[in-house]
């Protein structure tokens, strides 16, 4: 379930990424998030990825949050090809503006790579924030603008 807060823009930092295949630098937008699972609350950064179809969590967060993983795995497709993941649920993901919640996702399905080190950040893909907002990246201004689509 998604609960929006109708503020429009939040400041974000950017992760500088060099793609050796394209020989080009990219600036990837990061937002601050708070994750709540069971009794654990954890704050970290998440990559807002318009190219990702799903939401992904680094395997390293599983132990911190006390997440139980299923025995079965599913294949996910990423920039580096297919990789196995565990599909599980997180109680609450909050995108933050300062210390306040900008929007929230309850009981969110996420994919966790089976190997540690596969992804460095939580990845918010098209199944989360992009379902709720039209997003404009203003890289030079260091802002990301979230607009609720008109009905």
Protein backbone atom coordinates (compact mmCIF):
# COMPACT_ATOMS: atom_id res chain seq x y z
CA UNK A 1 0.00 0.00 0.00
CA UNK A 2 1.25 3.49 -0.88
CA UNK A 3 0.63 6.61 1.19
CA UNK A 4 1.79 9.90 -0.40
CA UNK A 5 2.69 13.14 1.24
CA UNK A 6 1.91 15.84 -1.30
CA UNK A 7 5.13 17.84 -1.07
CA UNK A 8 6.60 18.05 -4.54
CA UNK A 9 10.39 18.23 -4.54
CA UNK A 10 13.12 16.76 -2.43
CA UNK A 11 16.84 17.34 -2.57
CA UNK A 12 18.85 14.30 -3.50
CA UNK A 13 22.47 13.41 -3.81
CA UNK A 14 23.92 11.72 -6.83
CA UNK A 15 26.11 8.67 -7.18
CA UNK A 16 28.72 9.18 -9.90
CA UNK A 17 28.97 6.05 -12.04
CA UNK A 18 31.39 5.43 -14.90
CA UNK A 19 30.24 2.93 -17.53
CA UNK A 20 33.40 1.54 -19.19
CA UNK A 21 31.41 0.07 -22.08
CA UNK A 22 29.97 3.45 -23.02
CA UNK A 23 33.03 5.37 -21.78
CA UNK A 24 30.71 7.83 -20.10
CA UNK A 25 29.94 9.14 -16.61
CA UNK A 26 26.40 9.01 -15.28
CA UNK A 27 24.91 10.73 -12.25
CA UNK A 28 22.49 8.37 -10.53
CA UNK A 29 19.94 9.93 -8.10
CA UNK A 30 19.90 8.75 -4.50
CA UNK A 31 17.22 9.45 -1.89
CA UNK A 32 17.28 8.90 1.84
CA UNK A 33 15.01 6.12 3.06
CA UNK A 34 13.95 4.59 6.35
CA UNK A 35 13.21 0.87 6.40
CA UNK A 36 11.11 -0.72 9.13
CA UNK A 37 10.89 -4.48 9.39
CA UNK A 38 9.57 -6.26 12.48
CA UNK A 39 11.12 -4.24 15.34
CA UNK A 40 14.15 -2.95 13.42
CA UNK A 41 14.41 0.51 11.89
CA UNK A 42 17.29 1.30 9.55
CA UNK A 43 18.13 4.43 7.57
CA UNK A 44 20.11 4.31 4.32
CA UNK A 45 20.15 5.62 0.74
CA UNK A 46 18.26 4.24 -2.24
CA UNK A 47 18.88 4.59 -5.93
CA UNK A 48 15.85 5.89 -7.87
CA UNK A 49 16.19 3.79 -11.02
CA UNK A 50 13.81 4.39 -13.91
CA UNK A 51 15.37 1.43 -15.72
CA UNK A 52 14.65 -1.09 -12.95
CA UNK A 53 11.35 -2.95 -13.15
CA UNK A 54 11.44 -3.99 -9.49
CA UNK A 55 12.65 -2.95 -6.07
CA UNK A 56 15.89 -4.59 -4.93
CA UNK A 57 17.55 -4.84 -1.53
CA UNK A 58 21.25 -5.61 -0.97
CA UNK A 59 21.82 -9.01 0.65
CA UNK A 60 23.77 -7.24 3.41
CA UNK A 61 20.54 -5.65 4.72
CA UNK A 62 18.89 -9.04 5.31
CA UNK A 63 20.80 -9.71 8.54
CA UNK A 64 20.48 -6.12 9.78
CA UNK A 65 16.69 -6.16 9.34
CA UNK A 66 16.15 -9.76 10.45
CA UNK A 67 14.43 -10.69 7.18
CA UNK A 68 13.57 -14.34 6.67
CA UNK A 69 14.18 -15.47 3.11
CA UNK A 70 12.35 -18.22 1.24
CA UNK A 71 14.20 -21.31 0.08
CA UNK A 72 13.13 -20.80 -3.54
CA UNK A 73 14.85 -18.29 -5.82
CA UNK A 74 13.71 -16.39 -8.89
CA UNK A 75 15.74 -14.97 -11.74
CA UNK A 76 16.02 -11.20 -12.13
CA UNK A 77 17.42 -9.39 -15.13
CA UNK A 78 19.89 -6.57 -14.56
CA UNK A 79 22.45 -4.59 -16.51
CA UNK A 80 24.95 -7.42 -16.00
CA UNK A 81 22.56 -10.18 -17.11
CA UNK A 82 20.39 -12.61 -15.15
CA UNK A 83 21.02 -13.29 -11.47
CA UNK A 84 19.18 -15.32 -8.79
CA UNK A 85 17.18 -13.49 -6.12
CA UNK A 86 15.01 -14.23 -3.13
CA UNK A 87 11.59 -12.56 -3.22
CA UNK A 88 10.37 -11.37 0.17
CA UNK A 89 8.39 -8.56 1.80
CA UNK A 90 9.47 -5.53 3.82
CA UNK A 91 7.04 -4.08 6.37
CA UNK A 92 7.63 -0.41 5.51
CA UNK A 93 9.81 1.71 3.24
CA UNK A 94 9.69 5.48 3.75
CA UNK A 95 11.27 7.97 1.37
CA UNK A 96 12.50 10.88 3.45
CA UNK A 97 12.58 14.63 3.03
CA UNK A 98 14.91 15.62 5.84
CA UNK A 99 13.73 13.49 8.74
CA UNK A 100 10.08 13.43 7.64
CA UNK A 101 8.42 10.79 5.49
CA UNK A 102 7.80 11.97 1.91
CA UNK A 103 5.91 8.82 0.94
CA UNK A 104 5.57 5.29 2.27
CA UNK A 105 5.20 1.77 0.94
CA UNK A 106 3.75 -0.82 3.31
CA UNK A 107 4.20 -4.58 2.93
CA UNK A 108 6.45 -4.03 -0.12
CA UNK A 109 7.66 -6.95 -2.21
CA UNK A 110 11.40 -6.77 -2.86
CA UNK A 111 14.04 -8.93 -4.52
CA UNK A 112 17.28 -9.75 -2.71
CA UNK A 113 20.27 -11.04 -4.73
CA UNK A 114 21.49 -14.39 -3.44
CA UNK A 115 25.10 -13.14 -3.34
CA UNK A 116 26.37 -10.31 -1.16
CA UNK A 117 27.94 -7.40 -3.03
CA UNK A 118 25.69 -7.64 -6.11
CA UNK A 119 24.13 -4.21 -5.56
CA UNK A 120 25.50 -1.39 -3.38
CA UNK A 121 22.20 0.36 -2.59
CA UNK A 122 18.51 -0.29 -2.28
CA UNK A 123 17.04 0.19 -5.77
CA UNK A 124 13.58 1.75 -6.10
CA UNK A 125 12.25 0.68 -9.48
CA UNK A 126 9.13 1.01 -11.56
CA UNK A 127 7.04 -1.15 -9.19
CA UNK A 128 7.29 1.42 -6.39
CA UNK A 129 7.75 5.18 -6.62
CA UNK A 130 7.23 5.30 -10.39
CA UNK A 131 3.75 3.81 -9.99
CA UNK A 132 2.74 6.77 -7.83
CA UNK A 133 4.58 9.78 -9.22
CA UNK A 134 5.74 11.31 -12.48
CA UNK A 135 9.41 11.97 -11.74
CA UNK A 136 11.63 14.68 -13.19
CA UNK A 137 15.36 14.56 -12.47
CA UNK A 138 16.93 18.04 -12.26
CA UNK A 139 20.56 16.94 -12.00
CA UNK A 140 22.16 20.40 -12.25
CA UNK A 141 19.93 21.67 -9.44
CA UNK A 142 20.39 18.53 -7.34
CA UNK A 143 16.64 18.02 -7.09
CA UNK A 144 14.16 15.39 -8.04
CA UNK A 145 10.57 16.52 -8.57
CA UNK A 146 7.70 14.16 -7.82
CA UNK A 147 4.29 15.03 -9.26
CA UNK A 148 1.12 13.09 -8.67
CA UNK A 149 -0.37 12.27 -12.09
CA UNK A 150 -3.62 14.05 -12.86
CA UNK A 151 -6.60 11.73 -12.92
